[in-house]
Amino acid sequence: MTRVITLIGILAWAGASGISAADTWSNVPLIDTMCSTKVKDKPDAHTRACALQCAEGGFGIIADGTFLKFDDSGNAKVQAALKASKKLDHLRVSVTGERSGETIKVASVRID
């Protein structure tokens, strides 16, 4: 019983202090927004060159069959990671952030 009360106290403190649990997506397809509908059925065939060419429109991931767009900060992080990457296709990422509707406020992103 003491553990339950302690857990409730910790959760109440975290909520009051503004701490929230971030959402995490692991090893999910990375797609640029411009190609999101075109390559939805074959995301691993989408190339790094195409993603960089279409970077102006932003990026996102396909999670549970839904395309989730990144915020501006996330787009910048992905573009820098893609430029540094040697991967040519099969672009997959692990993302941490807060989902709001169909957009993710990206805290971190890593190309897998």
PDB file of N, CA and C in Angstrom:
ATOM      1  N   MET A   1       0.815  -1.183   0.000  1.00  0.00           N
ATOM      2  CA  MET A   1       0.000   0.000   0.000  1.00  0.00           C
ATOM      3  C   MET A   1       0.865   1.256   0.000  1.00  0.00           C
ATOM      4  N   THR A   2       1.969   1.215   0.734  1.00  0.00           N
ATOM      5  CA  THR A   2       2.871   2.363   0.796  1.00  0.00           C
ATOM      6  C   THR A   2       3.451   2.660  -0.584  1.00  0.00           C
ATOM      7  N   ARG A   3       3.762   1.623  -1.349  1.00  0.00           N
ATOM      8  CA  ARG A   3       4.298   1.813  -2.698  1.00  0.00           C
ATOM      9  C   ARG A   3       3.280   2.508  -3.598  1.00  0.00           C
ATOM     10  N   VAL A   4       2.039   2.135  -3.481  1.00  0.00           N
ATOM     11  CA  VAL A   4       0.990   2.755  -4.295  1.00  0.00           C
ATOM     12  C   VAL A   4       0.874   4.236  -3.959  1.00  0.00           C
ATOM     13  N   ILE A   5       0.880   4.558  -2.687  1.00  0.00           N
ATOM     14  CA  ILE A   5       0.776   5.952  -2.275  1.00  0.00           C
ATOM     15  C   ILE A   5       2.001   6.733  -2.755  1.00  0.00           C
ATOM     16  N   THR A   6       3.186   6.139  -2.653  1.00  0.00           N
ATOM     17  CA  THR A   6       4.403   6.785  -3.136  1.00  0.00           C
ATOM     18  C   THR A   6       4.329   7.032  -4.633  1.00  0.00           C
ATOM     19  N   LEU A   7       3.874   6.038  -5.395  1.00  0.00           N
ATOM     20  CA  LEU A   7       3.740   6.169  -6.838  1.00  0.00           C
ATOM     21  C   LEU A   7       2.757   7.278  -7.189  1.00  0.00           C
ATOM     22  N   ILE A   8       1.641   7.335  -6.510  1.00  0.00           N
ATOM     23  CA  ILE A   8       0.655   8.387  -6.761  1.00  0.00           C
ATOM     24  C   ILE A   8       1.273   9.753  -6.473  1.00  0.00           C
ATOM     25  N   GLY A   9       2.036   9.842  -5.413  1.00  0.00           N
ATOM     26  CA  GLY A   9       2.702  11.102  -5.072  1.00  0.00           C
ATOM     27  C   GLY A   9       3.694  11.532  -6.138  1.00  0.00           C
ATOM     28  N   ILE A  10       4.474  10.591  -6.634  1.00  0.00           N
ATOM     29  CA  ILE A  10       5.453  10.899  -7.679  1.00  0.00           C
ATOM     30  C   ILE A  10       4.748  11.355  -8.950  1.00  0.00           C
ATOM     31  N   LEU A  11       3.697  10.662  -9.340  1.00  0.00           N
ATOM     32  CA  LEU A  11       2.958  11.047 -10.536  1.00  0.00           C
ATOM     33  C   LEU A  11       2.323  12.422 -10.378  1.00  0.00           C
ATOM     34  N   ALA A  12       1.795  12.713  -9.208  1.00  0.00           N
ATOM     35  CA  ALA A  12       1.198  14.026  -8.965  1.00  0.00           C
ATOM     36  C   ALA A  12       2.263  15.115  -9.036  1.00  0.00           C
ATOM     37  N   TRP A  13       3.443  14.860  -8.459  1.00  0.00           N
ATOM     38  CA  TRP A  13       4.532  15.827  -8.513  1.00  0.00           C
ATOM     39  C   TRP A  13       4.984  16.062  -9.955  1.00  0.00           C
ATOM     40  N   ALA A  14       5.123  14.971 -10.725  1.00  0.00           N
ATOM     41  CA  ALA A  14       5.557  15.099 -12.112  1.00  0.00           C
ATOM     42  C   ALA A  14       4.555  15.909 -12.921  1.00  0.00           C
ATOM     43  N   GLY A  15       3.282  15.671 -12.714  1.00  0.00           N
ATOM     44  CA  GLY A  15       2.253  16.425 -13.424  1.00  0.00           C
ATOM     45  C   GLY A  15       2.259  17.889 -13.036  1.00  0.00           C
ATOM     46  N   ALA A  16       2.427  18.174 -11.760  1.00  0.00           N
ATOM     47  CA  ALA A  16       2.437  19.554 -11.284  1.00  0.00           C
ATOM     48  C   ALA A  16       3.688  20.297 -11.725  1.00  0.00           C
ATOM     49  N   SER A  17       4.797  19.596 -11.902  1.00  0.00           N
ATOM     50  CA  SER A  17       6.041  20.263 -12.282  1.00  0.00           C
ATOM     51  C   SER A  17       6.214  20.367 -13.791  1.00  0.00           C
ATOM     52  N   GLY A  18       5.235  19.895 -14.544  1.00  0.00           N
ATOM     53  CA  GLY A  18       5.311  20.010 -15.997  1.00  0.00           C
ATOM     54  C   GLY A  18       6.083  18.895 -16.665  1.00  0.00           C
ATOM     55  N   ILE A  19       6.511  17.906 -15.923  1.00  0.00           N
ATOM     56  CA  ILE A  19       7.234  16.784 -16.510  1.00  0.00           C
ATOM     57  C   ILE A  19       6.211  15.833 -17.131  1.00  0.00           C
ATOM     58  N   SER A  20       6.438  15.490 -18.374  1.00  0.00           N
ATOM     59  CA  SER A  20       5.534  14.549 -19.026  1.00  0.00           C
ATOM     60  C   SER A  20       6.358  13.488 -19.739  1.00  0.00           C
ATOM     61  N   ALA A  21       5.772  12.357 -19.903  1.00  0.00           N
ATOM     62  CA  ALA A  21       6.463  11.275 -20.592  1.00  0.00           C
ATOM     63  C   ALA A  21       6.417  11.545 -22.090  1.00  0.00           C
ATOM     64  N   ALA A  22       7.553  11.438 -22.738  1.00  0.00           N
ATOM     65  CA  ALA A  22       7.626  11.639 -24.176  1.00  0.00           C
ATOM     66  C   ALA A  22       7.215  10.359 -24.885  1.00  0.00           C
ATOM     67  N   ASP A  23       6.710  10.529 -26.084  1.00  0.00           N
ATOM     68  CA  ASP A  23       6.397   9.381 -26.926  1.00  0.00           C
ATOM     69  C   ASP A  23       7.681   8.944 -27.619  1.00  0.00           C
ATOM     70  N   THR A  24       7.780   7.654 -27.909  1.00  0.00           N
ATOM     71  CA  THR A  24       8.951   7.117 -28.586  1.00  0.00           C
ATOM     72  C   THR A  24       8.517   6.211 -29.718  1.00  0.00           C
ATOM     73  N   TRP A  25       9.160   6.382 -30.859  1.00  0.00           N
ATOM     74  CA  TRP A  25       8.952   5.510 -32.005  1.00  0.00           C
ATOM     75  C   TRP A  25      10.313   4.960 -32.373  1.00  0.00           C
ATOM     76  N   SER A  26      10.435   3.647 -32.493  1.00  0.00           N
ATOM     77  CA  SER A  26      11.725   3.014 -32.773  1.00  0.00           C
ATOM     78  C   SER A  26      11.723   2.304 -34.113  1.00  0.00           C
ATOM     79  N   ASN A  27      12.797   2.524 -34.871  1.00  0.00           N
ATOM     80  CA  ASN A  27      13.018   1.845 -36.141  1.00  0.00           C
ATOM     81  C   ASN A  27      11.820   1.954 -37.088  1.00  0.00           C
ATOM     82  N   VAL A  28      11.343   3.188 -37.265  1.00  0.00           N
ATOM     83  CA  VAL A  28      10.200   3.438 -38.149  1.00  0.00           C
ATOM     84  C   VAL A  28      10.678   4.122 -39.427  1.00  0.00           C
ATOM     85  N   PRO A  29       9.945   3.935 -40.539  1.00  0.00           N
ATOM     86  CA  PRO A  29      10.355   4.543 -41.816  1.00  0.00           C
ATOM     87  C   PRO A  29      10.327   6.071 -41.756  1.00  0.00           C
ATOM     88  N   LEU A  30      11.377   6.689 -42.282  1.00  0.00           N
ATOM     89  CA  LEU A  30      11.486   8.133 -42.425  1.00  0.00           C
ATOM     90  C   LEU A  30      11.152   8.489 -43.866  1.00  0.00           C
ATOM     91  N   ILE A  31      10.241   9.438 -44.040  1.00  0.00           N
ATOM     92  CA  ILE A  31       9.807   9.849 -45.376  1.00  0.00           C
ATOM     93  C   ILE A  31       9.710  11.371 -45.400  1.00  0.00           C
ATOM     94  N   ASP A  32      10.058  11.975 -46.533  1.00  0.00           N
ATOM     95  CA  ASP A  32       9.803  13.400 -46.658  1.00  0.00           C
ATOM     96  C   ASP A  32       8.314  13.596 -46.945  1.00  0.00           C
ATOM     97  N   THR A  33       7.789  14.743 -46.559  1.00  0.00           N
ATOM     98  CA  THR A  33       6.354  15.018 -46.686  1.00  0.00           C
ATOM     99  C   THR A  33       5.881  14.934 -48.128  1.00  0.00           C
ATOM    100  N   MET A  34       6.693  15.421 -49.058  1.00  0.00           N
ATOM    101  CA  MET A  34       6.289  15.446 -50.465  1.00  0.00           C
ATOM    102  C   MET A  34       6.080  14.043 -51.040  1.00  0.00           C
ATOM    103  N   CYS A  35       6.804  13.069 -50.521  1.00  0.00           N
ATOM    104  CA  CYS A  35       6.705  11.694 -51.027  1.00  0.00           C
ATOM    105  C   CYS A  35       5.865  10.786 -50.128  1.00  0.00           C
ATOM    106  N   SER A  36       5.269  11.331 -49.088  1.00  0.00           N
ATOM    107  CA  SER A  36       4.613  10.492 -48.079  1.00  0.00           C
ATOM    108  C   SER A  36       3.498   9.612 -48.635  1.00  0.00           C
ATOM    109  N   THR A  37       2.710  10.102 -49.561  1.00  0.00           N
ATOM    110  CA  THR A  37       1.645   9.255 -50.108  1.00  0.00           C
ATOM    111  C   THR A  37       2.172   8.336 -51.204  1.00  0.00           C
ATOM    112  N   LYS A  38       3.163   8.804 -51.945  1.00  0.00           N
ATOM    113  CA  LYS A  38       3.698   8.021 -53.059  1.00  0.00           C
ATOM    114  C   LYS A  38       4.429   6.759 -52.592  1.00  0.00           C
ATOM    115  N   VAL A  39       5.147   6.836 -51.486  1.00  0.00           N
ATOM    116  CA  VAL A  39       5.966   5.703 -51.046  1.00  0.00           C
ATOM    117  C   VAL A  39       5.421   5.022 -49.789  1.00  0.00           C
ATOM    118  N   LYS A  40       4.205   5.352 -49.401  1.00  0.00           N
ATOM    119  CA  LYS A  40       3.633   4.809 -48.165  1.00  0.00           C
ATOM    120  C   LYS A  40       3.630   3.284 -48.139  1.00  0.00           C
ATOM    121  N   ASP A  41       3.380   2.647 -49.294  1.00  0.00           N
ATOM    122  CA  ASP A  41       3.330   1.187 -49.347  1.00  0.00           C
ATOM    123  C   ASP A  41       4.710   0.538 -49.421  1.00  0.00           C
ATOM    124  N   LYS A  42       5.726   1.299 -49.839  1.00  0.00           N
ATOM    125  CA  LYS A  42       7.095   0.778 -49.950  1.00  0.00           C
ATOM    126  C   LYS A  42       8.081   1.803 -49.385  1.00  0.00           C
ATOM    127  N   PRO A  43       7.974   2.129 -48.099  1.00  0.00           N
ATOM    128  CA  PRO A  43       8.827   3.194 -47.548  1.00  0.00           C
ATOM    129  C   PRO A  43      10.316   2.869 -47.538  1.00  0.00           C
ATOM    130  N   ASP A  44      10.681   1.597 -47.476  1.00  0.00           N
ATOM    131  CA  ASP A  44      12.097   1.243 -47.422  1.00  0.00           C
ATOM    132  C   ASP A  44      12.798   1.414 -48.772  1.00  0.00           C
ATOM    133  N   ALA A  45      12.034   1.569 -49.829  1.00  0.00           N
ATOM    134  CA  ALA A  45      12.615   1.814 -51.146  1.00  0.00           C
ATOM    135  C   ALA A  45      12.911   3.298 -51.357  1.00  0.00           C
ATOM    136  N   HIS A  46      12.402   4.156 -50.491  1.00  0.00           N
ATOM    137  CA  HIS A  46      12.630   5.592 -50.602  1.00  0.00           C
ATOM    138  C   HIS A  46      14.102   5.901 -50.329  1.00  0.00           C
ATOM    139  N   THR A  47      14.707   6.705 -51.183  1.00  0.00           N
ATOM    140  CA  THR A  47      16.143   6.933 -51.094  1.00  0.00           C
ATOM    141  C   THR A  47      16.509   8.193 -50.311  1.00  0.00           C
ATOM    142  N   ARG A  48      17.713   8.192 -49.805  1.00  0.00           N
ATOM    143  CA  ARG A  48      18.268   9.351 -49.106  1.00  0.00           C
ATOM    144  C   ARG A  48      18.338  10.550 -50.053  1.00  0.00           C
ATOM    145  N   ALA A  49      18.740  10.310 -51.299  1.00  0.00           N
ATOM    146  CA  ALA A  49      18.850  11.390 -52.285  1.00  0.00           C
ATOM    147  C   ALA A  49      17.501  12.077 -52.495  1.00  0.00           C
ATOM    148  N   CYS A  50      16.446  11.296 -52.610  1.00  0.00           N
ATOM    149  CA  CYS A  50      15.111  11.862 -52.790  1.00  0.00           C
ATOM    150  C   CYS A  50      14.693  12.637 -51.543  1.00  0.00           C
ATOM    151  N   ALA A  51      14.943  12.071 -50.371  1.00  0.00           N
ATOM    152  CA  ALA A  51      14.575  12.737 -49.129  1.00  0.00           C
ATOM    153  C   ALA A  51      15.267  14.090 -49.007  1.00  0.00           C
ATOM    154  N   LEU A  52      16.542  14.146 -49.363  1.00  0.00           N
ATOM    155  CA  LEU A  52      17.269  15.414 -49.293  1.00  0.00           C
ATOM    156  C   LEU A  52      16.786  16.392 -50.358  1.00  0.00           C
ATOM    157  N   GLN A  53      16.454  15.877 -51.535  1.00  0.00           N
ATOM    158  CA  GLN A  53      15.963  16.727 -52.616  1.00  0.00           C
ATOM    159  C   GLN A  53      14.623  17.354 -52.237  1.00  0.00           C
ATOM    160  N   CYS A  54      13.799  16.622 -51.499  1.00  0.00           N
ATOM    161  CA  CYS A  54      12.462  17.084 -51.124  1.00  0.00           C
ATOM    162  C   CYS A  54      12.410  17.634 -49.693  1.00  0.00           C
ATOM    163  N   ALA A  55      13.563  17.907 -49.105  1.00  0.00           N
ATOM    164  CA  ALA A  55      13.645  18.310 -47.695  1.00  0.00           C
ATOM    165  C   ALA A  55      12.885  19.584 -47.370  1.00  0.00           C
ATOM    166  N   GLU A  56      12.733  20.463 -48.338  1.00  0.00           N
ATOM    167  CA  GLU A  56      12.060  21.739 -48.099  1.00  0.00           C
ATOM    168  C   GLU A  56      10.640  21.557 -47.564  1.00  0.00           C
ATOM    169  N   GLY A  57      10.004  20.467 -47.959  1.00  0.00           N
ATOM    170  CA  GLY A  57       8.630  20.205 -47.511  1.00  0.00           C
ATOM    171  C   GLY A  57       8.544  19.597 -46.123  1.00  0.00           C
ATOM    172  N   GLY A  58       9.684  19.203 -45.544  1.00  0.00           N
ATOM    173  CA  GLY A  58       9.688  18.617 -44.211  1.00  0.00           C
ATOM    174  C   GLY A  58       9.709  17.100 -44.246  1.00  0.00           C
ATOM    175  N   PHE A  59       9.743  16.517 -43.052  1.00  0.00           N
ATOM    176  CA  PHE A  59       9.866  15.072 -42.906  1.00  0.00           C
ATOM    177  C   PHE A  59       8.834  14.552 -41.914  1.00  0.00           C
ATOM    178  N   GLY A  60       8.741  13.239 -41.871  1.00  0.00           N
ATOM    179  CA  GLY A  60       7.885  12.582 -40.902  1.00  0.00           C
ATOM    180  C   GLY A  60       8.167  11.095 -40.891  1.00  0.00           C
ATOM    181  N   ILE A  61       7.363  10.391 -40.134  1.00  0.00           N
ATOM    182  CA  ILE A  61       7.508   8.941 -40.034  1.00  0.00           C
ATOM    183  C   ILE A  61       6.178   8.286 -40.347  1.00  0.00           C
ATOM    184  N   ILE A  62       6.255   7.016 -40.677  1.00  0.00           N
ATOM    185  CA  ILE A  62       5.044   6.214 -40.825  1.00  0.00           C
ATOM    186  C   ILE A  62       4.970   5.320 -39.598  1.00  0.00           C
ATOM    187  N   ALA A  63       3.953   5.556 -38.787  1.00  0.00           N
ATOM    188  CA  ALA A  63       3.756   4.778 -37.560  1.00  0.00           C
ATOM    189  C   ALA A  63       2.328   4.257 -37.536  1.00  0.00           C
ATOM    190  N   ASP A  64       2.180   2.954 -37.415  1.00  0.00           N
ATOM    191  CA  ASP A  64       0.866   2.313 -37.401  1.00  0.00           C
ATOM    192  C   ASP A  64       0.032   2.719 -38.618  1.00  0.00           C
ATOM    193  N   GLY A  65       0.694   2.826 -39.775  1.00  0.00           N
ATOM    194  CA  GLY A  65       0.001   3.143 -41.019  1.00  0.00           C
ATOM    195  C   GLY A  65      -0.354   4.611 -41.189  1.00  0.00           C
ATOM    196  N   THR A  66       0.071   5.466 -40.270  1.00  0.00           N
ATOM    197  CA  THR A  66      -0.241   6.890 -40.321  1.00  0.00           C
ATOM    198  C   THR A  66       1.036   7.689 -40.517  1.00  0.00           C
ATOM    199  N   PHE A  67       0.976   8.703 -41.376  1.00  0.00           N
ATOM    200  CA  PHE A  67       2.115   9.591 -41.561  1.00  0.00           C
ATOM    201  C   PHE A  67       2.038  10.704 -40.527  1.00  0.00           C
ATOM    202  N   LEU A  68       3.073  10.806 -39.698  1.00  0.00           N
ATOM    203  CA  LEU A  68       3.159  11.833 -38.668  1.00  0.00           C
ATOM    204  C   LEU A  68       4.267  12.802 -39.049  1.00  0.00           C
ATOM    205  N   LYS A  69       3.918  14.084 -39.195  1.00  0.00           N
ATOM    206  CA  LYS A  69       4.879  15.108 -39.601  1.00  0.00           C
ATOM    207  C   LYS A  69       5.710  15.589 -38.415  1.00  0.00           C
ATOM    208  N   PHE A  70       6.934  16.016 -38.705  1.00  0.00           N
ATOM    209  CA  PHE A  70       7.812  16.599 -37.695  1.00  0.00           C
ATOM    210  C   PHE A  70       7.615  18.109 -37.638  1.00  0.00           C
ATOM    211  N   ASP A  71       7.891  18.686 -36.477  1.00  0.00           N
ATOM    212  CA  ASP A  71       7.895  20.141 -36.343  1.00  0.00           C
ATOM    213  C   ASP A  71       9.156  20.686 -37.019  1.00  0.00           C
ATOM    214  N   ASP A  72       9.288  22.017 -37.081  1.00  0.00           N
ATOM    215  CA  ASP A  72      10.429  22.635 -37.767  1.00  0.00           C
ATOM    216  C   ASP A  72      11.768  22.205 -37.174  1.00  0.00           C
ATOM    217  N   SER A  73      11.839  22.126 -35.857  1.00  0.00           N
ATOM    218  CA  SER A  73      13.078  21.701 -35.196  1.00  0.00           C
ATOM    219  C   SER A  73      13.435  20.273 -35.581  1.00  0.00           C
ATOM    220  N   GLY A  74      12.441  19.406 -35.621  1.00  0.00           N
ATOM    221  CA  GLY A  74      12.662  18.013 -36.016  1.00  0.00           C
ATOM    222  C   GLY A  74      13.118  17.907 -37.459  1.00  0.00           C
ATOM    223  N   ASN A  75      12.532  18.736 -38.330  1.00  0.00           N
ATOM    224  CA  ASN A  75      12.947  18.733 -39.737  1.00  0.00           C
ATOM    225  C   ASN A  75      14.415  19.108 -39.873  1.00  0.00           C
ATOM    226  N   ALA A  76      14.853  20.096 -39.127  1.00  0.00           N
ATOM    227  CA  ALA A  76      16.254  20.512 -39.181  1.00  0.00           C
ATOM    228  C   ALA A  76      17.173  19.405 -38.665  1.00  0.00           C
ATOM    229  N   LYS A  77      16.753  18.730 -37.592  1.00  0.00           N
ATOM    230  CA  LYS A  77      17.553  17.641 -37.034  1.00  0.00           C
ATOM    231  C   LYS A  77      17.686  16.489 -38.029  1.00  0.00           C
ATOM    232  N   VAL A  78      16.597  16.144 -38.689  1.00  0.00           N
ATOM    233  CA  VAL A  78      16.620  15.044 -39.660  1.00  0.00           C
ATOM    234  C   VAL A  78      17.474  15.406 -40.864  1.00  0.00           C
ATOM    235  N   GLN A  79      17.334  16.620 -41.352  1.00  0.00           N
ATOM    236  CA  GLN A  79      18.113  17.027 -42.513  1.00  0.00           C
ATOM    237  C   GLN A  79      19.610  16.953 -42.210  1.00  0.00           C
ATOM    238  N   ALA A  80      20.020  17.409 -41.040  1.00  0.00           N
ATOM    239  CA  ALA A  80      21.438  17.329 -40.652  1.00  0.00           C
ATOM    240  C   ALA A  80      21.882  15.875 -40.531  1.00  0.00           C
ATOM    241  N   ALA A  81      21.042  15.028 -39.952  1.00  0.00           N
ATOM    242  CA  ALA A  81      21.380  13.611 -39.797  1.00  0.00           C
ATOM    243  C   ALA A  81      21.483  12.916 -41.152  1.00  0.00           C
ATOM    244  N   LEU A  82      20.597  13.253 -42.082  1.00  0.00           N
ATOM    245  CA  LEU A  82      20.649  12.656 -43.415  1.00  0.00           C
ATOM    246  C   LEU A  82      21.909  13.077 -44.163  1.00  0.00           C
ATOM    247  N   LYS A  83      22.284  14.342 -44.039  1.00  0.00           N
ATOM    248  CA  LYS A  83      23.497  14.814 -44.716  1.00  0.00           C
ATOM    249  C   LYS A  83      24.740  14.109 -44.177  1.00  0.00           C
ATOM    250  N   ALA A  84      24.740  13.782 -42.901  1.00  0.00           N
ATOM    251  CA  ALA A  84      25.884  13.110 -42.281  1.00  0.00           C
ATOM    252  C   ALA A  84      25.872  11.601 -42.502  1.00  0.00           C
ATOM    253  N   SER A  85      24.720  11.057 -42.882  1.00  0.00           N
ATOM    254  CA  SER A  85      24.572   9.606 -43.034  1.00  0.00           C
ATOM    255  C   SER A  85      25.132   9.114 -44.367  1.00  0.00           C
ATOM    256  N   LYS A  86      25.563   7.876 -44.374  1.00  0.00           N
ATOM    257  CA  LYS A  86      26.024   7.220 -45.600  1.00  0.00           C
ATOM    258  C   LYS A  86      24.964   6.264 -46.151  1.00  0.00           C
ATOM    259  N   LYS A  87      23.843   6.119 -45.431  1.00  0.00           N
ATOM    260  CA  LYS A  87      22.771   5.224 -45.876  1.00  0.00           C
ATOM    261  C   LYS A  87      22.155   5.745 -47.164  1.00  0.00           C
ATOM    262  N   LEU A  88      21.933   4.862 -48.120  1.00  0.00           N
ATOM    263  CA  LEU A  88      21.364   5.273 -49.403  1.00  0.00           C
ATOM    264  C   LEU A  88      19.863   5.070 -49.483  1.00  0.00           C
ATOM    265  N   ASP A  89      19.345   4.065 -48.774  1.00  0.00           N
ATOM    266  CA  ASP A  89      17.909   3.803 -48.753  1.00  0.00           C
ATOM    267  C   ASP A  89      17.574   3.072 -47.458  1.00  0.00           C
ATOM    268  N   HIS A  90      16.383   2.530 -47.363  1.00  0.00           N
ATOM    269  CA  HIS A  90      15.942   1.845 -46.142  1.00  0.00           C
ATOM    270  C   HIS A  90      16.150   2.785 -44.940  1.00  0.00           C
ATOM    271  N   LEU A  91      15.612   4.004 -45.095  1.00  0.00           N
ATOM    272  CA  LEU A  91      15.794   5.037 -44.077  1.00  0.00           C
ATOM    273  C   LEU A  91      14.835   4.808 -42.921  1.00  0.00           C
ATOM    274  N   ARG A  92      15.411   4.474 -41.781  1.00  0.00           N
ATOM    275  CA  ARG A  92      14.621   4.248 -40.571  1.00  0.00           C
ATOM    276  C   ARG A  92      15.212   5.078 -39.444  1.00  0.00           C
ATOM    277  N   VAL A  93      14.329   5.515 -38.558  1.00  0.00           N
ATOM    278  CA  VAL A  93      14.754   6.379 -37.463  1.00  0.00           C
ATOM    279  C   VAL A  93      14.120   5.952 -36.156  1.00  0.00           C
ATOM    280  N   SER A  94      14.732   6.412 -35.079  1.00  0.00           N
ATOM    281  CA  SER A  94      14.134   6.320 -33.755  1.00  0.00           C
ATOM    282  C   SER A  94      13.919   7.758 -33.301  1.00  0.00           C
ATOM    283  N   VAL A  95      12.703   8.047 -32.860  1.00  0.00           N
ATOM    284  CA  VAL A  95      12.294   9.415 -32.545  1.00  0.00           C
ATOM    285  C   VAL A  95      11.704   9.467 -31.144  1.00  0.00           C
ATOM    286  N   THR A  96      12.044  10.538 -30.431  1.00  0.00           N
ATOM    287  CA  THR A  96      11.424  10.834 -29.145  1.00  0.00           C
ATOM    288  C   THR A  96      10.836  12.229 -29.253  1.00  0.00           C
ATOM    289  N   GLY A  97       9.615  12.383 -28.782  1.00  0.00           N
ATOM    290  CA  GLY A  97       8.980  13.691 -28.830  1.00  0.00           C
ATOM    291  C   GLY A  97       7.557  13.624 -28.328  1.00  0.00           C
ATOM    292  N   GLU A  98       6.837  14.703 -28.518  1.00  0.00           N
ATOM    293  CA  GLU A  98       5.447  14.778 -28.096  1.00  0.00           C
ATOM    294  C   GLU A  98       4.542  14.844 -29.317  1.00  0.00           C
ATOM    295  N   ARG A  99       3.606  13.927 -29.388  1.00  0.00           N
ATOM    296  CA  ARG A  99       2.660  13.907 -30.494  1.00  0.00           C
ATOM    297  C   ARG A  99       1.475  14.799 -30.167  1.00  0.00           C
ATOM    298  N   SER A 100       1.121  15.635 -31.138  1.00  0.00           N
ATOM    299  CA  SER A 100      -0.061  16.479 -31.034  1.00  0.00           C
ATOM    300  C   SER A 100      -0.805  16.337 -32.352  1.00  0.00           C
ATOM    301  N   GLY A 101      -1.845  15.539 -32.359  1.00  0.00           N
ATOM    302  CA  GLY A 101      -2.567  15.266 -33.601  1.00  0.00           C
ATOM    303  C   GLY A 101      -1.693  14.464 -34.541  1.00  0.00           C
ATOM    304  N   GLU A 102      -1.430  15.031 -35.715  1.00  0.00           N
ATOM    305  CA  GLU A 102      -0.615  14.353 -36.725  1.00  0.00           C
ATOM    306  C   GLU A 102       0.795  14.939 -36.802  1.00  0.00           C
ATOM    307  N   THR A 103       1.200  15.677 -35.768  1.00  0.00           N
ATOM    308  CA  THR A 103       2.521  16.302 -35.743  1.00  0.00           C
ATOM    309  C   THR A 103       3.284  15.858 -34.508  1.00  0.00           C
ATOM    310  N   ILE A 104       4.604  15.699 -34.665  1.00  0.00           N
ATOM    311  CA  ILE A 104       5.472  15.351 -33.545  1.00  0.00           C
ATOM    312  C   ILE A 104       6.407  16.530 -33.274  1.00  0.00           C
ATOM    313  N   LYS A 105       6.411  16.996 -32.045  1.00  0.00           N
ATOM    314  CA  LYS A 105       7.392  17.977 -31.603  1.00  0.00           C
ATOM    315  C   LYS A 105       8.619  17.165 -31.201  1.00  0.00           C
ATOM    316  N   VAL A 106       9.611  17.122 -32.069  1.00  0.00           N
ATOM    317  CA  VAL A 106      10.743  16.213 -31.944  1.00  0.00           C
ATOM    318  C   VAL A 106      11.732  16.701 -30.892  1.00  0.00           C
ATOM    319  N   ALA A 107      12.019  15.820 -29.938  1.00  0.00           N
ATOM    320  CA  ALA A 107      13.059  16.092 -28.932  1.00  0.00           C
ATOM    321  C   ALA A 107      14.388  15.530 -29.422  1.00  0.00           C
ATOM    322  N   SER A 108      14.345  14.321 -29.979  1.00  0.00           N
ATOM    323  CA  SER A 108      15.560  13.715 -30.532  1.00  0.00           C
ATOM    324  C   SER A 108      15.198  12.777 -31.667  1.00  0.00           C
ATOM    325  N   VAL A 109      16.124  12.625 -32.586  1.00  0.00           N
ATOM    326  CA  VAL A 109      15.939  11.715 -33.712  1.00  0.00           C
ATOM    327  C   VAL A 109      17.299  11.127 -34.064  1.00  0.00           C
ATOM    328  N   ARG A 110      17.298   9.829 -34.368  1.00  0.00           N
ATOM    329  CA  ARG A 110      18.529   9.127 -34.725  1.00  0.00           C
ATOM    330  C   ARG A 110      18.237   8.209 -35.904  1.00  0.00           C
ATOM    331  N   ILE A 111      19.088   8.270 -36.920  1.00  0.00           N
ATOM    332  CA  ILE A 111      18.943   7.369 -38.050  1.00  0.00           C
ATOM    333  C   ILE A 111      19.464   6.000 -37.618  1.00  0.00           C
ATOM    334  N   ASP A 112      18.630   4.984 -37.802  1.00  0.00           N
ATOM    335  CA  ASP A 112      19.010   3.616 -37.401  1.00  0.00           C
ATOM    336  C   ASP A 112      19.785   2.916 -38.491  1.00  0.00           C
TER     337      ASP A 112
END
